Amino acid sequence: MIHKMNDKQDKKYRYRIVKIKQGYAGFVASSRGLCRVYLRAPASAALRREIKLDADAAVEDRSLLQGLASDLERYYAGKRVRFNVRIDISETTDFDAEVYRACRSIPYGQTRSYKQLAEQVGRPGAARAVGGAMRRNPCPIITPCHRVLRSDGALGGFSSPGGVADKLKLLNMESAS
């Protein structure tokens, strides 16, 4: 994923794997909130290995963030969902955190450009930096980076296992609901 989470004594990580329509999704949380979201995988074992690569001391908790687990299941079933979960931004830069907050304000079924997000955070010339923040987004879907496009309307990138094809599927699913 992005980088290995910092397993310090003061920060204990827990994770949960959720069955979704397309396979499995997962997430990791600290006492401060959601740290990372893992997009769909065909098998829970593969997802568990990926989580352990990022946070080897994380402990599985099948009751972790029950509301988020339900919301992910509903989202991947094509239901309109507004995620409401506290996010642990302690491992992001101030700029990235600001971009992620702006991105979370993009309504379901709508899109914005990297340039529009840069303007929204008061950095009109920073569209490329916004793209970098989207690449590092630790909580895709919750921070809906799939809703951010290039200024010319092209999809840009997407860091899910299925890449841009997954981004297009998510955008089509949201526009159809």
C-alpha atoms as a PDB file:
ATOM      1  CA  MET A   1       0.000   0.000   0.000  1.00  0.00           C
ATOM      2  CA  ILE A   2       1.286   3.499   0.749  1.00  0.00           C
ATOM      3  CA  HIS A   3       3.832   2.890   3.503  1.00  0.00           C
ATOM      4  CA  LYS A   4       4.187   0.725   6.552  1.00  0.00           C
ATOM      5  CA  MET A   5       2.144   2.006   9.471  1.00  0.00           C
ATOM      6  CA  ASN A   6       4.142   3.030  12.507  1.00  0.00           C
ATOM      7  CA  ASP A   7       3.530   0.313  15.130  1.00  0.00           C
ATOM      8  CA  LYS A   8       4.691   2.256  18.179  1.00  0.00           C
ATOM      9  CA  GLN A   9       3.732   1.286  21.695  1.00  0.00           C
ATOM     10  CA  ASP A  10       1.417   4.292  21.923  1.00  0.00           C
ATOM     11  CA  LYS A  11      -0.485   3.308  18.786  1.00  0.00           C
ATOM     12  CA  LYS A  12      -2.216  -0.053  18.604  1.00  0.00           C
ATOM     13  CA  TYR A  13      -3.821  -1.028  15.311  1.00  0.00           C
ATOM     14  CA  ARG A  14      -6.864  -3.199  14.793  1.00  0.00           C
ATOM     15  CA  TYR A  15      -8.267  -4.387  11.490  1.00  0.00           C
ATOM     16  CA  ARG A  16     -11.412  -5.860  10.043  1.00  0.00           C
ATOM     17  CA  ILE A  17     -12.209  -7.672   6.817  1.00  0.00           C
ATOM     18  CA  VAL A  18     -15.709  -7.302   5.390  1.00  0.00           C
ATOM     19  CA  LYS A  19     -17.482  -9.452   2.810  1.00  0.00           C
ATOM     20  CA  ILE A  20     -18.747  -7.257  -0.025  1.00  0.00           C
ATOM     21  CA  LYS A  21     -20.565  -8.025  -3.244  1.00  0.00           C
ATOM     22  CA  GLN A  22     -17.301  -8.155  -5.240  1.00  0.00           C
ATOM     23  CA  GLY A  23     -15.229 -10.129  -2.707  1.00  0.00           C
ATOM     24  CA  TYR A  24     -13.668  -8.577   0.381  1.00  0.00           C
ATOM     25  CA  ALA A  25     -12.665  -5.121   1.621  1.00  0.00           C
ATOM     26  CA  GLY A  26     -10.753  -4.280   4.762  1.00  0.00           C
ATOM     27  CA  PHE A  27      -9.722  -1.449   6.998  1.00  0.00           C
ATOM     28  CA  VAL A  28      -7.296  -0.642   9.794  1.00  0.00           C
ATOM     29  CA  ALA A  29      -7.980   1.715  12.692  1.00  0.00           C
ATOM     30  CA  SER A  30      -6.114   3.125  15.655  1.00  0.00           C
ATOM     31  CA  SER A  31      -7.621   4.636  18.784  1.00  0.00           C
ATOM     32  CA  ARG A  32      -7.624   7.940  16.849  1.00  0.00           C
ATOM     33  CA  GLY A  33      -9.785   6.625  14.008  1.00  0.00           C
ATOM     34  CA  LEU A  34      -9.661   4.986  10.598  1.00  0.00           C
ATOM     35  CA  CYS A  35      -6.109   4.740   9.228  1.00  0.00           C
ATOM     36  CA  ARG A  36      -6.372   2.776   6.013  1.00  0.00           C
ATOM     37  CA  VAL A  37      -8.934   1.185   3.700  1.00  0.00           C
ATOM     38  CA  TYR A  38      -8.165  -1.762   1.433  1.00  0.00           C
ATOM     39  CA  LEU A  39     -10.318  -2.074  -1.641  1.00  0.00           C
ATOM     40  CA  ARG A  40     -11.813  -5.238  -2.939  1.00  0.00           C
ATOM     41  CA  ALA A  41      -9.862  -8.474  -3.042  1.00  0.00           C
ATOM     42  CA  PRO A  42     -11.090 -11.886  -4.248  1.00  0.00           C
ATOM     43  CA  ALA A  43     -10.080 -13.680  -1.026  1.00  0.00           C
ATOM     44  CA  SER A  44      -9.917 -12.638   2.606  1.00  0.00           C
ATOM     45  CA  ALA A  45      -6.544 -14.376   3.070  1.00  0.00           C
ATOM     46  CA  ALA A  46      -4.928 -12.160   0.407  1.00  0.00           C
ATOM     47  CA  LEU A  47      -6.352  -9.066   2.054  1.00  0.00           C
ATOM     48  CA  ARG A  48      -5.176 -10.207   5.486  1.00  0.00           C
ATOM     49  CA  ARG A  49      -1.624 -10.664   4.104  1.00  0.00           C
ATOM     50  CA  GLU A  50      -1.692  -7.155   2.604  1.00  0.00           C
ATOM     51  CA  ILE A  51      -2.862  -5.651   5.900  1.00  0.00           C
ATOM     52  CA  LYS A  52      -0.155  -7.502   7.820  1.00  0.00           C
ATOM     53  CA  LEU A  53       2.506  -6.154   5.435  1.00  0.00           C
ATOM     54  CA  ASP A  54       1.427  -2.618   6.371  1.00  0.00           C
ATOM     55  CA  ALA A  55       0.734  -3.181  10.077  1.00  0.00           C
ATOM     56  CA  ASP A  56       2.237  -6.460  11.210  1.00  0.00           C
ATOM     57  CA  ALA A  57       1.195  -6.002  14.850  1.00  0.00           C
ATOM     58  CA  ALA A  58      -2.439  -5.234  13.965  1.00  0.00           C
ATOM     59  CA  VAL A  59      -4.995  -7.470  15.640  1.00  0.00           C
ATOM     60  CA  GLU A  60      -8.141  -8.620  13.872  1.00  0.00           C
ATOM     61  CA  ASP A  61     -11.333  -7.290  15.484  1.00  0.00           C
ATOM     62  CA  ARG A  62     -14.540  -8.544  13.870  1.00  0.00           C
ATOM     63  CA  SER A  63     -16.597  -5.909  15.692  1.00  0.00           C
ATOM     64  CA  LEU A  64     -14.390  -2.952  14.707  1.00  0.00           C
ATOM     65  CA  LEU A  65     -16.288   0.075  13.346  1.00  0.00           C
ATOM     66  CA  GLN A  66     -19.553  -1.768  12.756  1.00  0.00           C
ATOM     67  CA  GLY A  67     -21.140   1.258  11.069  1.00  0.00           C
ATOM     68  CA  LEU A  68     -18.286   1.526   8.586  1.00  0.00           C
ATOM     69  CA  ALA A  69     -18.454  -2.195   7.840  1.00  0.00           C
ATOM     70  CA  SER A  70     -22.186  -1.918   7.094  1.00  0.00           C
ATOM     71  CA  ASP A  71     -21.649   1.207   5.005  1.00  0.00           C
ATOM     72  CA  LEU A  72     -18.980  -0.517   2.889  1.00  0.00           C
ATOM     73  CA  GLU A  73     -21.266  -3.495   2.296  1.00  0.00           C
ATOM     74  CA  ARG A  74     -24.098  -1.154   1.261  1.00  0.00           C
ATOM     75  CA  TYR A  75     -21.824   0.997  -0.892  1.00  0.00           C
ATOM     76  CA  TYR A  76     -20.483  -1.961  -2.859  1.00  0.00           C
ATOM     77  CA  ALA A  77     -24.058  -3.217  -3.266  1.00  0.00           C
ATOM     78  CA  GLY A  78     -24.790   0.005  -5.166  1.00  0.00           C
ATOM     79  CA  LYS A  79     -26.541   1.898  -2.383  1.00  0.00           C
ATOM     80  CA  ARG A  80     -26.035   5.612  -1.788  1.00  0.00           C
ATOM     81  CA  VAL A  81     -23.863   5.956   1.318  1.00  0.00           C
ATOM     82  CA  ARG A  82     -22.500   8.964   3.174  1.00  0.00           C
ATOM     83  CA  PHE A  83     -19.561   7.709   5.230  1.00  0.00           C
ATOM     84  CA  ASN A  84     -19.328   9.171   8.704  1.00  0.00           C
ATOM     85  CA  VAL A  85     -16.217   7.917  10.432  1.00  0.00           C
ATOM     86  CA  ARG A  86     -13.393   9.642  12.277  1.00  0.00           C
ATOM     87  CA  ILE A  87     -10.130   9.428  10.331  1.00  0.00           C
ATOM     88  CA  ASP A  88      -6.677   9.273  11.919  1.00  0.00           C
ATOM     89  CA  ILE A  89      -4.651  11.814   9.913  1.00  0.00           C
ATOM     90  CA  SER A  90      -1.561  11.605  12.125  1.00  0.00           C
ATOM     91  CA  GLU A  91       0.523   9.959   9.383  1.00  0.00           C
ATOM     92  CA  THR A  92      -0.335  12.478   6.631  1.00  0.00           C
ATOM     93  CA  THR A  93       1.043  15.911   5.831  1.00  0.00           C
ATOM     94  CA  ASP A  94      -1.034  19.006   6.586  1.00  0.00           C
ATOM     95  CA  PHE A  95      -1.507  19.590   2.836  1.00  0.00           C
ATOM     96  CA  ASP A  96      -2.690  16.025   2.217  1.00  0.00           C
ATOM     97  CA  ALA A  97      -5.087  16.208   5.183  1.00  0.00           C
ATOM     98  CA  GLU A  98      -6.567  19.421   3.799  1.00  0.00           C
ATOM     99  CA  VAL A  99      -6.971  17.856   0.343  1.00  0.00           C
ATOM    100  CA  TYR A 100      -8.625  14.763   1.864  1.00  0.00           C
ATOM    101  CA  ARG A 101     -11.125  16.942   3.761  1.00  0.00           C
ATOM    102  CA  ALA A 102     -11.960  18.783   0.526  1.00  0.00           C
ATOM    103  CA  CYS A 103     -12.297  15.497  -1.343  1.00  0.00           C
ATOM    104  CA  ARG A 104     -14.720  14.138   1.274  1.00  0.00           C
ATOM    105  CA  SER A 105     -16.991  17.101   0.508  1.00  0.00           C
ATOM    106  CA  ILE A 106     -17.582  15.872  -3.066  1.00  0.00           C
ATOM    107  CA  PRO A 107     -21.159  14.558  -3.093  1.00  0.00           C
ATOM    108  CA  TYR A 108     -22.024  11.010  -4.100  1.00  0.00           C
ATOM    109  CA  GLY A 109     -22.399  10.736  -7.873  1.00  0.00           C
ATOM    110  CA  GLN A 110     -20.513  13.970  -8.609  1.00  0.00           C
ATOM    111  CA  THR A 111     -16.929  14.666  -9.654  1.00  0.00           C
ATOM    112  CA  ARG A 112     -14.356  17.420  -9.344  1.00  0.00           C
ATOM    113  CA  SER A 113     -11.050  18.016 -11.084  1.00  0.00           C
ATOM    114  CA  TYR A 114      -7.650  17.996  -9.441  1.00  0.00           C
ATOM    115  CA  LYS A 115      -7.519  21.710 -10.303  1.00  0.00           C
ATOM    116  CA  GLN A 116     -10.871  22.388  -8.576  1.00  0.00           C
ATOM    117  CA  LEU A 117      -9.661  20.652  -5.412  1.00  0.00           C
ATOM    118  CA  ALA A 118      -6.445  22.681  -5.517  1.00  0.00           C
ATOM    119  CA  GLU A 119      -8.501  25.871  -5.746  1.00  0.00           C
ATOM    120  CA  GLN A 120     -10.777  24.685  -2.935  1.00  0.00           C
ATOM    121  CA  VAL A 121      -7.804  24.308  -0.578  1.00  0.00           C
ATOM    122  CA  GLY A 122      -6.456  27.724  -1.550  1.00  0.00           C
ATOM    123  CA  ARG A 123      -3.602  26.452  -3.724  1.00  0.00           C
ATOM    124  CA  PRO A 124      -4.800  27.136  -7.305  1.00  0.00           C
ATOM    125  CA  GLY A 125      -1.504  26.108  -8.922  1.00  0.00           C
ATOM    126  CA  ALA A 126      -1.208  22.825  -7.027  1.00  0.00           C
ATOM    127  CA  ALA A 127      -3.253  20.447  -9.206  1.00  0.00           C
ATOM    128  CA  ARG A 128      -0.293  18.049  -9.541  1.00  0.00           C
ATOM    129  CA  ALA A 129       0.267  18.108  -5.783  1.00  0.00           C
ATOM    130  CA  VAL A 130      -3.428  17.270  -5.319  1.00  0.00           C
ATOM    131  CA  GLY A 131      -2.902  14.337  -7.703  1.00  0.00           C
ATOM    132  CA  GLY A 132      -0.017  13.196  -5.512  1.00  0.00           C
ATOM    133  CA  ALA A 133      -2.196  13.425  -2.421  1.00  0.00           C
ATOM    134  CA  MET A 134      -4.870  11.351  -4.165  1.00  0.00           C
ATOM    135  CA  ARG A 135      -2.216   8.710  -5.028  1.00  0.00           C
ATOM    136  CA  ARG A 136      -1.273   8.550  -1.335  1.00  0.00           C
ATOM    137  CA  ASN A 137      -4.894   8.498  -0.108  1.00  0.00           C
ATOM    138  CA  PRO A 138      -4.938   5.891   2.658  1.00  0.00           C
ATOM    139  CA  CYS A 139      -8.753   5.710   2.821  1.00  0.00           C
ATOM    140  CA  PRO A 140     -10.152   5.360  -0.716  1.00  0.00           C
ATOM    141  CA  ILE A 141     -13.947   5.246  -0.994  1.00  0.00           C
ATOM    142  CA  ILE A 142     -14.217   7.020   2.397  1.00  0.00           C
ATOM    143  CA  THR A 143     -12.108   9.832   0.949  1.00  0.00           C
ATOM    144  CA  PRO A 144     -13.585   9.417  -2.540  1.00  0.00           C
ATOM    145  CA  CYS A 145     -10.531   9.995  -4.719  1.00  0.00           C
ATOM    146  CA  HIS A 146     -12.327   8.063  -7.473  1.00  0.00           C
ATOM    147  CA  ARG A 147     -14.506  11.194  -7.881  1.00  0.00           C
ATOM    148  CA  VAL A 148     -11.495  13.322  -8.856  1.00  0.00           C
ATOM    149  CA  LEU A 149     -10.753  13.642 -12.576  1.00  0.00           C
ATOM    150  CA  ARG A 150      -8.317  15.461 -14.793  1.00  0.00           C
ATOM    151  CA  SER A 151      -9.355  18.931 -15.999  1.00  0.00           C
ATOM    152  CA  ASP A 152      -9.921  17.555 -19.503  1.00  0.00           C
ATOM    153  CA  GLY A 153     -12.447  15.061 -18.118  1.00  0.00           C
ATOM    154  CA  ALA A 154     -10.099  12.067 -18.414  1.00  0.00           C
ATOM    155  CA  LEU A 155     -10.159   9.656 -15.492  1.00  0.00           C
ATOM    156  CA  GLY A 156      -6.587  10.094 -14.295  1.00  0.00           C
ATOM    157  CA  GLY A 157      -5.262   7.329 -12.077  1.00  0.00           C
ATOM    158  CA  PHE A 158      -6.682   5.125  -9.341  1.00  0.00           C
ATOM    159  CA  SER A 159      -4.736   3.056  -6.835  1.00  0.00           C
ATOM    160  CA  SER A 160      -7.168   0.155  -6.471  1.00  0.00           C
ATOM    161  CA  PRO A 161      -6.213  -3.344  -7.578  1.00  0.00           C
ATOM    162  CA  GLY A 162      -8.249  -2.856 -10.769  1.00  0.00           C
ATOM    163  CA  GLY A 163      -6.847   0.621 -11.454  1.00  0.00           C
ATOM    164  CA  VAL A 164      -8.726   3.018 -13.708  1.00  0.00           C
ATOM    165  CA  ALA A 165     -11.226   0.294 -14.694  1.00  0.00           C
ATOM    166  CA  ASP A 166     -12.337   0.152 -11.032  1.00  0.00           C
ATOM    167  CA  LYS A 167     -12.581   3.951 -10.919  1.00  0.00           C
ATOM    168  CA  LEU A 168     -14.890   3.906 -13.937  1.00  0.00           C
ATOM    169  CA  LYS A 169     -17.042   1.140 -12.397  1.00  0.00           C
ATOM    170  CA  LEU A 170     -17.434   3.118  -9.162  1.00  0.00           C
ATOM    171  CA  LEU A 171     -18.356   6.311 -11.021  1.00  0.00           C
ATOM    172  CA  ASN A 172     -20.882   4.425 -13.176  1.00  0.00           C
ATOM    173  CA  MET A 173     -22.344   2.706 -10.099  1.00  0.00           C
ATOM    174  CA  GLU A 174     -22.760   6.045  -8.320  1.00  0.00           C
ATOM    175  CA  SER A 175     -24.327   7.767 -11.316  1.00  0.00           C
ATOM    176  CA  ALA A 176     -26.774   4.882 -11.788  1.00  0.00           C
ATOM    177  CA  SER A 177     -28.113   4.951  -8.232  1.00  0.00           C
END
